[in-house]
N, C-alpha and C. Protein backbone atom coordinates (compact mmCIF):
# COMPACT_ATOMS: atom_id res chain seq x y z
N MET A 1 11.58 23.83 -9.81
CA MET A 1 12.09 22.35 -10.20
C MET A 1 11.65 21.93 -11.60
N SER A 2 12.42 21.37 -12.37
CA SER A 2 12.10 20.79 -13.76
C SER A 2 11.19 19.48 -13.56
N ALA A 3 10.34 19.17 -14.56
CA ALA A 3 9.82 18.05 -14.76
C ALA A 3 10.68 16.73 -14.37
N ARG A 4 11.80 16.62 -15.10
CA ARG A 4 12.69 15.64 -14.93
C ARG A 4 13.07 15.66 -13.62
N GLU A 5 13.33 16.50 -12.71
CA GLU A 5 14.02 16.58 -11.43
C GLU A 5 12.89 16.07 -10.56
N ARG A 6 11.66 16.45 -10.79
CA ARG A 6 10.37 16.07 -9.96
C ARG A 6 10.20 14.75 -10.09
N ILE A 7 10.46 14.06 -11.34
CA ILE A 7 10.23 12.68 -11.76
C ILE A 7 11.28 11.72 -10.91
N LEU A 8 12.57 12.29 -10.94
CA LEU A 8 13.81 11.58 -10.26
C LEU A 8 13.38 11.71 -8.75
N ASP A 9 12.77 12.73 -8.16
CA ASP A 9 12.73 12.61 -6.78
C ASP A 9 11.24 11.79 -6.47
N ALA A 10 10.38 11.83 -7.26
CA ALA A 10 9.13 10.87 -7.02
C ALA A 10 9.67 9.30 -7.01
N ALA A 11 10.56 9.11 -8.09
CA ALA A 11 10.95 7.52 -8.34
C ALA A 11 12.01 7.42 -7.22
N ALA A 12 12.79 8.00 -6.57
CA ALA A 12 13.36 7.77 -5.62
C ALA A 12 12.57 7.23 -4.30
N GLU A 13 11.69 8.25 -4.04
CA GLU A 13 10.62 7.99 -3.12
C GLU A 13 9.85 6.87 -3.09
N VAL A 14 9.45 6.48 -4.24
CA VAL A 14 8.54 5.24 -4.62
C VAL A 14 9.53 4.08 -4.54
N MET A 15 10.58 4.12 -5.19
CA MET A 15 11.32 2.95 -5.14
C MET A 15 11.87 2.74 -3.87
N LEU A 16 12.27 3.77 -2.99
CA LEU A 16 12.62 3.38 -1.46
C LEU A 16 11.46 2.72 -0.60
N GLU A 17 10.37 3.17 -0.97
CA GLU A 17 9.11 2.67 -0.14
C GLU A 17 8.85 1.21 -0.67
N ARG A 18 8.61 1.09 -1.90
CA ARG A 18 8.22 -0.12 -2.69
C ARG A 18 9.26 -1.06 -3.18
N GLY A 19 10.43 -0.73 -3.37
CA GLY A 19 11.36 -1.43 -3.98
C GLY A 19 11.25 -1.43 -5.47
N MET A 20 12.12 -1.77 -6.34
CA MET A 20 12.09 -1.71 -7.62
C MET A 20 11.11 -2.72 -8.21
N ALA A 21 10.91 -3.73 -7.80
CA ALA A 21 9.93 -4.70 -8.42
C ALA A 21 8.34 -4.34 -8.03
N GLY A 22 8.27 -3.67 -6.89
CA GLY A 22 6.95 -3.06 -6.61
C GLY A 22 6.71 -1.89 -7.21
N THR A 23 7.43 -1.13 -7.99
CA THR A 23 7.24 0.17 -8.37
C THR A 23 6.89 0.09 -10.02
N THR A 24 5.89 0.92 -10.41
CA THR A 24 5.47 0.77 -11.88
C THR A 24 5.82 2.53 -12.16
N THR A 25 5.85 2.63 -13.23
CA THR A 25 6.17 3.89 -14.15
C THR A 25 4.98 4.76 -13.88
N LYS A 26 3.88 4.17 -13.82
CA LYS A 26 2.55 4.86 -13.59
C LYS A 26 2.65 5.38 -12.08
N GLU A 27 3.03 4.86 -11.20
CA GLU A 27 2.93 4.99 -9.83
C GLU A 27 3.97 6.24 -9.69
N ILE A 28 5.12 6.30 -10.28
CA ILE A 28 6.09 7.19 -10.21
C ILE A 28 5.63 8.73 -10.88
N ALA A 29 4.97 8.35 -12.09
CA ALA A 29 4.25 9.67 -12.84
C ALA A 29 3.20 10.18 -11.96
N ARG A 30 2.51 9.46 -11.26
CA ARG A 30 1.57 9.77 -10.41
C ARG A 30 2.11 10.49 -9.33
N ALA A 31 2.96 10.02 -8.73
CA ALA A 31 3.89 10.69 -7.41
C ALA A 31 4.32 11.79 -7.71
N ALA A 32 4.70 11.98 -9.13
CA ALA A 32 5.39 13.24 -9.38
C ALA A 32 4.43 14.42 -9.98
N GLY A 33 3.32 13.87 -10.29
CA GLY A 33 2.18 14.88 -10.65
C GLY A 33 2.15 14.88 -12.21
N TYR A 34 2.76 13.96 -12.88
CA TYR A 34 2.71 14.08 -14.46
C TYR A 34 1.99 12.87 -14.84
N SER A 35 1.82 12.79 -16.21
CA SER A 35 1.28 11.72 -16.97
C SER A 35 2.54 10.57 -17.12
N GLU A 36 2.21 9.49 -17.45
CA GLU A 36 3.27 8.36 -17.83
C GLU A 36 4.02 8.67 -19.02
N ALA A 37 3.22 9.29 -19.94
CA ALA A 37 3.70 9.70 -21.24
C ALA A 37 5.04 10.68 -21.15
N LEU A 38 4.69 11.76 -20.00
CA LEU A 38 5.82 12.90 -19.81
C LEU A 38 6.98 12.02 -19.36
N LEU A 39 6.81 11.10 -18.37
CA LEU A 39 7.69 10.22 -17.89
C LEU A 39 8.81 9.72 -19.08
N TYR A 40 8.09 9.08 -19.85
CA TYR A 40 8.88 8.37 -21.02
C TYR A 40 9.43 9.44 -22.13
N LYS A 41 8.94 10.61 -21.82
CA LYS A 41 9.68 11.74 -22.67
C LYS A 41 11.16 11.96 -22.27
N HIS A 42 11.22 11.79 -20.74
CA HIS A 42 12.40 12.00 -20.20
C HIS A 42 13.28 10.70 -19.93
N PHE A 43 12.76 9.52 -19.99
CA PHE A 43 13.60 8.43 -19.64
C PHE A 43 12.96 7.28 -20.56
N ARG A 44 13.89 6.42 -21.01
CA ARG A 44 13.56 5.39 -21.95
C ARG A 44 12.64 4.22 -21.12
N ASP A 45 13.07 3.86 -20.03
CA ASP A 45 12.55 2.86 -19.44
C ASP A 45 12.49 2.77 -17.85
N LYS A 46 12.24 1.84 -17.17
CA LYS A 46 12.17 1.99 -15.72
C LYS A 46 13.58 1.80 -15.16
N GLU A 47 14.40 0.96 -15.94
CA GLU A 47 15.85 0.73 -15.74
C GLU A 47 16.63 2.03 -15.86
N GLU A 48 16.57 2.54 -16.97
CA GLU A 48 17.22 3.92 -17.13
C GLU A 48 16.64 4.98 -15.83
N LEU A 49 15.68 5.12 -15.49
CA LEU A 49 15.09 5.71 -14.50
C LEU A 49 15.99 5.40 -13.13
N LEU A 50 15.87 4.04 -12.90
CA LEU A 50 16.61 3.43 -11.78
C LEU A 50 18.13 3.91 -11.79
N LEU A 51 18.83 3.81 -12.98
CA LEU A 51 20.02 4.28 -12.94
C LEU A 51 20.29 5.77 -12.57
N HIS A 52 19.35 6.75 -13.15
CA HIS A 52 19.46 7.97 -12.76
C HIS A 52 18.98 8.48 -11.31
N VAL A 53 18.21 7.67 -10.78
CA VAL A 53 17.91 7.78 -9.22
C VAL A 53 19.38 7.45 -8.58
N MET A 54 19.73 6.22 -8.99
CA MET A 54 20.97 5.69 -8.20
C MET A 54 22.29 6.85 -8.39
N HIS A 55 22.26 7.39 -9.47
CA HIS A 55 23.55 8.40 -9.74
C HIS A 55 23.07 9.58 -9.17
N HIS A 56 21.79 10.22 -9.19
CA HIS A 56 21.59 11.67 -8.82
C HIS A 56 20.92 11.72 -7.28
N ARG A 57 20.10 10.74 -6.93
CA ARG A 57 19.67 10.69 -5.71
C ARG A 57 20.03 9.74 -4.44
N MET A 58 21.27 9.21 -4.85
CA MET A 58 21.84 8.27 -3.93
C MET A 58 23.24 8.84 -3.46
N PRO A 59 23.63 8.34 -2.46
CA PRO A 59 25.06 9.08 -2.27
C PRO A 59 26.15 8.60 -3.02
N ALA A 60 26.66 9.35 -3.83
CA ALA A 60 27.84 8.82 -4.90
C ALA A 60 28.97 8.26 -4.13
N PHE A 61 29.57 7.21 -4.70
CA PHE A 61 30.77 7.00 -3.86
C PHE A 61 31.99 6.55 -4.58
N ILE A 62 31.84 6.01 -5.70
CA ILE A 62 32.87 5.62 -6.51
C ILE A 62 33.67 6.64 -7.46
N ASP A 63 32.89 7.67 -7.88
CA ASP A 63 33.34 8.72 -8.66
C ASP A 63 34.15 9.76 -7.93
N GLY A 64 34.35 9.65 -6.77
CA GLY A 64 35.28 10.82 -6.05
C GLY A 64 36.55 10.38 -5.78
N VAL A 65 36.85 9.21 -6.28
CA VAL A 65 38.33 8.71 -5.83
C VAL A 65 39.24 9.03 -7.26
N VAL A 66 40.24 9.82 -6.98
CA VAL A 66 41.32 9.90 -8.21
C VAL A 66 42.49 9.38 -7.86
N ALA A 67 43.11 8.56 -8.52
CA ALA A 67 44.41 7.98 -8.49
C ALA A 67 45.53 9.15 -8.32
N GLY A 68 46.48 9.24 -7.38
CA GLY A 68 47.37 10.05 -7.23
C GLY A 68 47.02 11.41 -6.38
N GLU A 69 45.89 11.21 -6.00
CA GLU A 69 45.33 12.36 -4.92
C GLU A 69 45.21 12.00 -3.69
N GLY A 70 45.53 12.61 -2.75
CA GLY A 70 45.23 12.32 -1.24
C GLY A 70 46.11 11.09 -1.00
N GLU A 71 45.90 10.67 0.41
CA GLU A 71 46.64 9.43 0.83
C GLU A 71 45.62 8.31 0.45
N VAL A 72 46.27 7.26 -0.01
CA VAL A 72 45.27 6.11 -0.30
C VAL A 72 44.50 5.59 0.71
N ALA A 73 45.04 5.47 2.04
CA ALA A 73 44.28 4.79 2.94
C ALA A 73 42.99 5.86 3.35
N ALA A 74 43.28 7.13 3.37
CA ALA A 74 42.16 7.98 3.77
C ALA A 74 41.25 7.92 2.41
N ASN A 75 41.67 7.93 1.32
CA ASN A 75 40.42 7.81 0.13
C ASN A 75 39.79 6.64 0.29
N LEU A 76 40.42 5.39 0.60
CA LEU A 76 39.78 4.15 0.89
C LEU A 76 38.57 4.43 1.88
N ALA A 77 39.08 4.89 3.01
CA ALA A 77 38.07 5.14 4.02
C ALA A 77 37.04 5.86 3.73
N ALA A 78 37.22 6.96 2.84
CA ALA A 78 36.03 8.06 2.65
C ALA A 78 35.13 7.35 1.54
N LEU A 79 35.81 6.35 0.69
CA LEU A 79 35.20 5.83 -0.40
C LEU A 79 34.29 4.58 0.54
N ALA A 80 34.77 3.87 1.37
CA ALA A 80 33.99 2.85 2.04
C ALA A 80 32.76 3.36 2.73
N HIS A 81 32.95 4.71 3.52
CA HIS A 81 31.84 5.53 4.11
C HIS A 81 30.83 5.87 3.03
N ARG A 82 31.23 6.27 2.11
CA ARG A 82 30.05 6.62 0.88
C ARG A 82 29.41 5.23 0.40
N ALA A 83 30.16 4.26 0.16
CA ALA A 83 29.59 2.93 -0.30
C ALA A 83 28.88 2.34 0.76
N LEU A 84 29.10 2.33 2.01
CA LEU A 84 28.37 1.78 3.01
C LEU A 84 26.79 2.58 3.06
N ASN A 85 26.84 3.75 3.03
CA ASN A 85 25.57 4.57 2.88
C ASN A 85 24.80 4.37 1.54
N PHE A 86 25.59 4.20 0.70
CA PHE A 86 24.92 4.05 -0.78
C PHE A 86 23.98 2.58 -0.68
N TYR A 87 24.87 1.62 -0.21
CA TYR A 87 24.33 0.32 -0.25
C TYR A 87 22.99 0.20 0.80
N LEU A 88 23.26 1.03 2.07
CA LEU A 88 22.17 0.88 2.99
C LEU A 88 20.90 1.62 2.46
N ARG A 89 20.98 2.47 1.51
CA ARG A 89 19.97 3.20 0.94
C ARG A 89 19.35 2.40 -0.27
N ALA A 90 20.35 1.83 -1.01
CA ALA A 90 19.94 1.01 -2.34
C ALA A 90 19.42 -0.28 -1.82
N PHE A 91 19.51 -0.90 -0.72
CA PHE A 91 18.99 -2.35 -0.62
C PHE A 91 17.63 -2.43 -0.57
N PRO A 92 16.85 -1.62 0.06
CA PRO A 92 15.34 -1.48 -0.13
C PRO A 92 14.98 -1.59 -1.48
N MET A 93 15.49 -0.82 -2.53
CA MET A 93 15.30 -0.53 -3.82
C MET A 93 15.53 -1.95 -4.47
N MET A 94 16.61 -2.51 -4.19
CA MET A 94 17.09 -3.72 -5.10
C MET A 94 16.78 -4.89 -4.42
N ALA A 95 16.21 -5.18 -3.03
CA ALA A 95 15.82 -6.52 -2.70
C ALA A 95 14.83 -7.25 -3.10
N SER A 96 13.68 -6.49 -3.42
CA SER A 96 12.44 -7.09 -4.13
C SER A 96 12.76 -7.60 -5.63
N MET A 97 13.73 -7.09 -6.37
CA MET A 97 14.09 -7.51 -7.47
C MET A 97 14.87 -8.81 -7.52
N VAL A 98 15.62 -8.99 -6.59
CA VAL A 98 16.28 -10.10 -6.34
C VAL A 98 15.69 -11.16 -5.93
N SER A 99 14.48 -11.02 -5.34
CA SER A 99 13.73 -12.15 -4.83
C SER A 99 12.73 -12.54 -6.02
N GLN A 100 12.84 -12.12 -7.16
CA GLN A 100 12.01 -12.45 -8.28
C GLN A 100 12.89 -12.69 -9.59
N PRO A 101 13.27 -14.03 -9.59
CA PRO A 101 14.29 -14.36 -10.73
C PRO A 101 14.10 -13.74 -12.15
N LYS A 102 12.92 -13.88 -12.61
CA LYS A 102 12.37 -13.27 -13.94
C LYS A 102 12.82 -11.88 -13.98
N LEU A 103 12.42 -11.13 -13.01
CA LEU A 103 12.62 -9.77 -12.91
C LEU A 103 13.85 -9.38 -12.87
N MET A 104 14.85 -10.16 -12.09
CA MET A 104 16.27 -9.92 -12.00
C MET A 104 16.85 -10.20 -13.29
N ALA A 105 16.42 -11.35 -13.93
CA ALA A 105 17.23 -11.67 -15.30
C ALA A 105 16.93 -10.43 -16.23
N ALA A 106 15.48 -9.83 -16.41
CA ALA A 106 14.96 -8.84 -17.12
C ALA A 106 15.94 -7.60 -16.84
N THR A 107 16.19 -7.17 -15.52
CA THR A 107 16.58 -5.83 -15.13
C THR A 107 18.30 -6.09 -15.59
N ARG A 108 18.71 -7.26 -15.34
CA ARG A 108 20.26 -7.65 -15.65
C ARG A 108 20.37 -7.22 -17.31
N GLU A 109 19.58 -7.77 -18.09
CA GLU A 109 19.58 -7.61 -19.52
C GLU A 109 19.47 -6.09 -19.76
N SER A 110 18.47 -5.41 -19.18
CA SER A 110 18.32 -3.92 -19.39
C SER A 110 19.47 -3.29 -19.11
N LEU A 111 20.17 -3.63 -17.90
CA LEU A 111 21.20 -2.63 -17.36
C LEU A 111 22.59 -2.92 -18.45
N ARG A 112 22.52 -3.97 -19.18
CA ARG A 112 23.73 -4.37 -19.87
C ARG A 112 23.83 -3.17 -20.97
N LYS A 113 22.30 -2.66 -21.46
CA LYS A 113 22.40 -1.74 -22.39
C LYS A 113 23.13 -0.36 -22.22
N TYR A 114 23.05 -0.28 -20.75
CA TYR A 114 23.68 1.05 -20.10
C TYR A 114 25.00 0.84 -19.64
N ASP A 115 25.49 -0.31 -19.75
CA ASP A 115 26.84 -0.47 -19.20
C ASP A 115 26.86 -0.33 -17.82
N ALA A 116 25.72 -0.87 -17.05
CA ALA A 116 25.67 -0.62 -15.79
C ALA A 116 25.47 -1.98 -14.89
N GLY A 117 25.61 -1.88 -13.59
CA GLY A 117 25.18 -2.97 -12.85
C GLY A 117 25.98 -3.05 -11.59
N PRO A 118 25.82 -4.01 -10.65
CA PRO A 118 26.53 -4.07 -9.37
C PRO A 118 28.06 -4.33 -9.57
N ARG A 119 28.70 -4.83 -10.76
CA ARG A 119 29.97 -5.09 -10.95
C ARG A 119 30.90 -3.81 -11.24
N VAL A 120 29.99 -2.59 -11.66
CA VAL A 120 30.79 -1.42 -12.07
C VAL A 120 31.59 -0.90 -11.01
N PRO A 121 31.03 -0.66 -9.65
CA PRO A 121 31.83 -0.23 -8.54
C PRO A 121 33.17 -1.07 -8.29
N VAL A 122 33.02 -2.26 -8.56
CA VAL A 122 34.00 -3.31 -8.34
C VAL A 122 35.21 -2.91 -9.35
N ASP A 123 34.79 -2.80 -10.59
CA ASP A 123 35.74 -2.75 -11.42
C ASP A 123 36.37 -1.13 -11.66
N ARG A 124 35.56 -0.32 -11.25
CA ARG A 124 36.00 0.97 -11.11
C ARG A 124 37.20 1.36 -9.80
N LEU A 125 36.95 0.55 -8.61
CA LEU A 125 37.81 0.48 -7.83
C LEU A 125 39.13 -0.26 -8.05
N ALA A 126 38.89 -1.31 -8.70
CA ALA A 126 40.12 -2.14 -9.10
C ALA A 126 40.95 -1.23 -10.18
N ALA A 127 40.34 -0.29 -11.00
CA ALA A 127 41.04 0.46 -11.88
C ALA A 127 41.84 1.40 -11.17
N TYR A 128 41.15 1.95 -10.08
CA TYR A 128 41.86 3.01 -9.23
C TYR A 128 43.07 2.30 -8.60
N LEU A 129 42.85 1.15 -7.96
CA LEU A 129 43.83 0.43 -7.11
C LEU A 129 45.16 0.16 -8.20
N ARG A 130 44.78 -0.30 -9.58
CA ARG A 130 45.69 -0.54 -10.45
C ARG A 130 46.54 0.88 -10.59
N ALA A 131 46.00 1.68 -10.89
CA ALA A 131 46.60 3.18 -11.04
C ALA A 131 47.56 3.36 -10.04
N GLU A 132 46.95 3.36 -8.62
CA GLU A 132 48.02 3.56 -7.59
C GLU A 132 49.08 2.60 -7.38
N ARG A 133 48.91 1.37 -7.85
CA ARG A 133 49.88 0.47 -7.84
C ARG A 133 50.90 1.02 -8.93
N ASP A 134 50.47 1.27 -10.19
CA ASP A 134 51.53 1.67 -11.03
C ASP A 134 52.28 2.93 -10.90
N ALA A 135 51.52 3.76 -10.07
CA ALA A 135 52.35 4.91 -9.67
C ALA A 135 53.17 4.73 -8.36
N GLY A 136 53.40 3.25 -7.73
CA GLY A 136 53.93 3.10 -6.72
C GLY A 136 53.63 3.49 -5.34
N ARG A 137 52.21 3.86 -5.33
CA ARG A 137 51.67 4.44 -4.15
C ARG A 137 50.93 3.24 -3.15
N ILE A 138 50.99 1.99 -3.89
CA ILE A 138 50.51 0.73 -3.11
C ILE A 138 51.43 -0.32 -3.49
N ALA A 139 51.56 -1.35 -2.77
CA ALA A 139 52.62 -2.44 -3.00
C ALA A 139 52.44 -3.14 -4.26
N ALA A 140 53.68 -3.33 -4.90
CA ALA A 140 53.78 -3.96 -6.25
C ALA A 140 52.92 -5.15 -6.24
N GLY A 141 52.95 -5.83 -5.28
CA GLY A 141 52.11 -7.35 -5.38
C GLY A 141 50.88 -7.12 -5.07
N ALA A 142 50.40 -5.99 -4.72
CA ALA A 142 48.75 -5.85 -4.45
C ALA A 142 48.20 -6.42 -5.57
N ASP A 143 46.94 -7.14 -5.09
CA ASP A 143 45.93 -7.54 -6.38
C ASP A 143 44.66 -6.89 -6.17
N PRO A 144 44.77 -5.79 -7.09
CA PRO A 144 43.55 -4.77 -7.27
C PRO A 144 42.28 -5.34 -7.28
N GLU A 145 42.09 -6.41 -8.28
CA GLU A 145 40.76 -7.20 -8.33
C GLU A 145 40.25 -7.64 -7.06
N ALA A 146 41.23 -8.54 -6.33
CA ALA A 146 40.63 -9.18 -5.44
C ALA A 146 40.36 -8.22 -4.13
N ILE A 147 41.15 -7.11 -4.09
CA ILE A 147 40.90 -6.23 -2.87
C ILE A 147 39.62 -5.35 -3.12
N ALA A 148 39.66 -5.12 -4.46
CA ALA A 148 38.21 -4.45 -4.95
C ALA A 148 36.89 -5.03 -4.46
N SER A 149 36.94 -6.55 -4.91
CA SER A 149 36.00 -7.35 -4.53
C SER A 149 35.56 -7.61 -3.12
N LEU A 150 36.78 -7.84 -2.36
CA LEU A 150 36.44 -7.84 -0.89
C LEU A 150 35.95 -6.47 -0.25
N PHE A 151 36.56 -5.38 -0.65
CA PHE A 151 36.16 -4.20 -0.19
C PHE A 151 34.52 -3.91 -0.52
N MET A 152 34.38 -3.95 -1.68
CA MET A 152 32.81 -3.79 -2.22
C MET A 152 31.82 -4.79 -1.32
N GLY A 153 32.30 -6.03 -1.43
CA GLY A 153 31.51 -7.11 -0.82
C GLY A 153 31.36 -6.84 0.70
N ALA A 154 32.34 -6.51 1.33
CA ALA A 154 32.16 -6.02 2.73
C ALA A 154 31.31 -4.66 2.97
N CYS A 155 31.31 -3.66 2.19
CA CYS A 155 30.76 -2.64 2.21
C CYS A 155 29.12 -3.04 1.83
N PHE A 156 28.84 -3.90 1.08
CA PHE A 156 27.52 -4.33 0.58
C PHE A 156 26.87 -5.22 1.88
N GLN A 157 27.66 -5.82 2.36
CA GLN A 157 27.07 -6.67 3.59
C GLN A 157 26.95 -5.93 4.70
N GLN A 158 27.90 -5.02 5.04
CA GLN A 158 27.68 -4.23 6.21
C GLN A 158 26.58 -3.10 5.93
N GLY A 159 26.54 -2.81 4.85
CA GLY A 159 25.13 -1.85 4.52
C GLY A 159 24.03 -2.57 4.91
N PHE A 160 23.75 -3.85 4.31
CA PHE A 160 22.63 -4.68 4.52
C PHE A 160 22.51 -4.93 6.18
N LEU A 161 23.52 -5.34 6.70
CA LEU A 161 23.32 -5.54 8.27
C LEU A 161 22.97 -4.29 8.76
N HIS A 162 23.34 -3.28 8.61
CA HIS A 162 22.96 -2.02 9.21
C HIS A 162 21.34 -1.70 8.78
N TYR A 163 20.97 -2.02 7.51
CA TYR A 163 19.79 -1.64 7.34
C TYR A 163 18.81 -2.67 7.99
N PHE A 164 19.27 -4.01 8.17
CA PHE A 164 18.56 -4.96 9.08
C PHE A 164 18.26 -4.64 10.27
N ALA A 165 19.38 -4.38 11.14
CA ALA A 165 19.25 -3.93 12.40
C ALA A 165 18.44 -2.67 12.60
N HIS A 166 18.56 -1.58 11.75
CA HIS A 166 17.80 -0.64 11.92
C HIS A 166 16.80 0.10 11.19
N GLY A 167 16.48 -0.72 10.10
CA GLY A 167 15.29 -0.34 9.12
C GLY A 167 15.68 0.89 8.24
N PRO A 168 14.50 1.36 7.62
CA PRO A 168 14.96 2.19 6.58
C PRO A 168 15.03 3.53 7.25
N ASP A 169 14.66 3.75 8.46
CA ASP A 169 14.80 5.28 8.95
C ASP A 169 15.99 5.29 9.85
N GLY A 170 16.78 4.13 9.96
CA GLY A 170 17.87 4.22 11.02
C GLY A 170 18.84 5.05 10.57
N PRO A 171 20.02 5.30 11.43
CA PRO A 171 20.80 6.40 11.34
C PRO A 171 21.89 6.11 10.18
N ALA A 172 22.55 6.92 9.64
CA ALA A 172 23.30 6.86 8.83
C ALA A 172 24.78 5.88 9.39
N ILE A 173 25.57 5.37 8.66
CA ILE A 173 26.68 4.51 8.90
C ILE A 173 27.86 5.60 9.46
N PRO A 174 28.29 5.40 10.63
CA PRO A 174 29.42 6.39 11.04
C PRO A 174 30.86 6.09 10.31
N GLU A 175 31.41 7.35 10.13
CA GLU A 175 32.85 7.28 9.46
C GLU A 175 33.91 6.11 10.05
N SER A 176 33.64 5.75 11.34
CA SER A 176 34.60 4.97 12.22
C SER A 176 34.33 3.47 11.65
N ASP A 177 33.02 3.25 11.32
CA ASP A 177 32.75 1.89 10.77
C ASP A 177 33.55 1.66 9.45
N ALA A 178 33.50 2.86 8.57
CA ALA A 178 34.18 2.78 7.30
C ALA A 178 35.84 2.47 7.62
N ARG A 179 36.09 3.17 8.27
CA ARG A 179 37.65 3.06 8.73
C ARG A 179 38.08 1.68 9.36
N ALA A 180 37.11 1.03 10.27
CA ALA A 180 37.39 -0.37 10.68
C ALA A 180 37.29 -1.26 9.62
N LEU A 181 36.52 -1.12 8.58
CA LEU A 181 36.30 -1.91 7.28
C LEU A 181 37.69 -1.89 6.52
N VAL A 182 38.11 -0.72 6.57
CA VAL A 182 39.49 -0.64 5.47
C VAL A 182 40.51 -0.99 6.13
N ALA A 183 40.75 -1.03 7.47
CA ALA A 183 41.86 -1.39 7.93
C ALA A 183 42.49 -2.63 7.76
N PRO A 184 41.55 -3.90 7.79
CA PRO A 184 42.36 -4.99 7.29
C PRO A 184 42.96 -5.37 6.05
N LEU A 185 42.55 -4.50 5.16
CA LEU A 185 43.02 -4.47 3.61
C LEU A 185 44.37 -3.71 3.59
N LEU A 186 44.65 -2.90 4.53
CA LEU A 186 45.87 -2.03 4.31
C LEU A 186 47.05 -2.72 4.35
N PRO A 187 47.30 -3.82 5.02
CA PRO A 187 48.67 -4.65 4.90
C PRO A 187 48.66 -5.11 3.40
N ALA A 188 47.56 -5.59 2.87
CA ALA A 188 47.62 -6.02 1.55
C ALA A 188 48.06 -5.20 0.43
N LEU A 189 47.75 -3.94 0.94
CA LEU A 189 48.24 -2.65 -0.07
C LEU A 189 49.65 -2.25 0.40
N GLY A 190 50.31 -2.82 1.29
CA GLY A 190 51.52 -2.58 1.58
C GLY A 190 51.70 -1.32 2.73
N PHE A 191 50.61 -1.18 3.42
CA PHE A 191 50.43 -0.16 4.48
C PHE A 191 50.68 -0.88 5.88
N ALA A 192 51.28 -0.06 6.80
CA ALA A 192 51.12 -0.83 8.30
C ALA A 192 49.66 -0.58 8.93
N PRO A 193 49.16 -1.62 9.44
CA PRO A 193 47.85 -1.90 10.00
C PRO A 193 47.04 -0.48 10.45
N ASP A 194 47.98 0.48 11.09
CA ASP A 194 47.39 1.50 11.53
C ASP A 194 47.65 2.74 10.87
N SER A 195 47.75 2.53 9.40
CA SER A 195 47.73 3.77 8.43
C SER A 195 46.48 4.42 8.34
């Protein structure tokens, strides 16, 4: 395993345990068995490291949806399932940051330079829905931005509720929960509720 991979594994472990606010690059380097200098050889800052952890060590969810492929309702259910489990795992990392306004402001500014942040999945889902609408696969009157916001907001909230109820070692969220989350949005997309 490369040093970069070991650093990512250590960062994911430490951030899940201590949250982003409680994690230092020194702790990550120590957990990986390397110097902090080596960590900075691979990553510019803690925010870049966090982004790589989110992208490579968390359940990916938005990148797997391609307009025109598969059934839209099934695509959304699969996306919801991945998003629910992503938010379930991401919540303990991010919660400590949200509770500290100065840290959150600094992280927000840092993430901007990477064109990243919590708005990205909403924007990508809206782009997917626009492409499906343009292809005639969902209703012409569907509002992709509103649907994407409702969809991601519900996934985030349900991920949090599952985490709250079961803790960090609780079970994964079942696919049936994802399908139930998508069902109320289907009529707004032009599908019968049981699609």
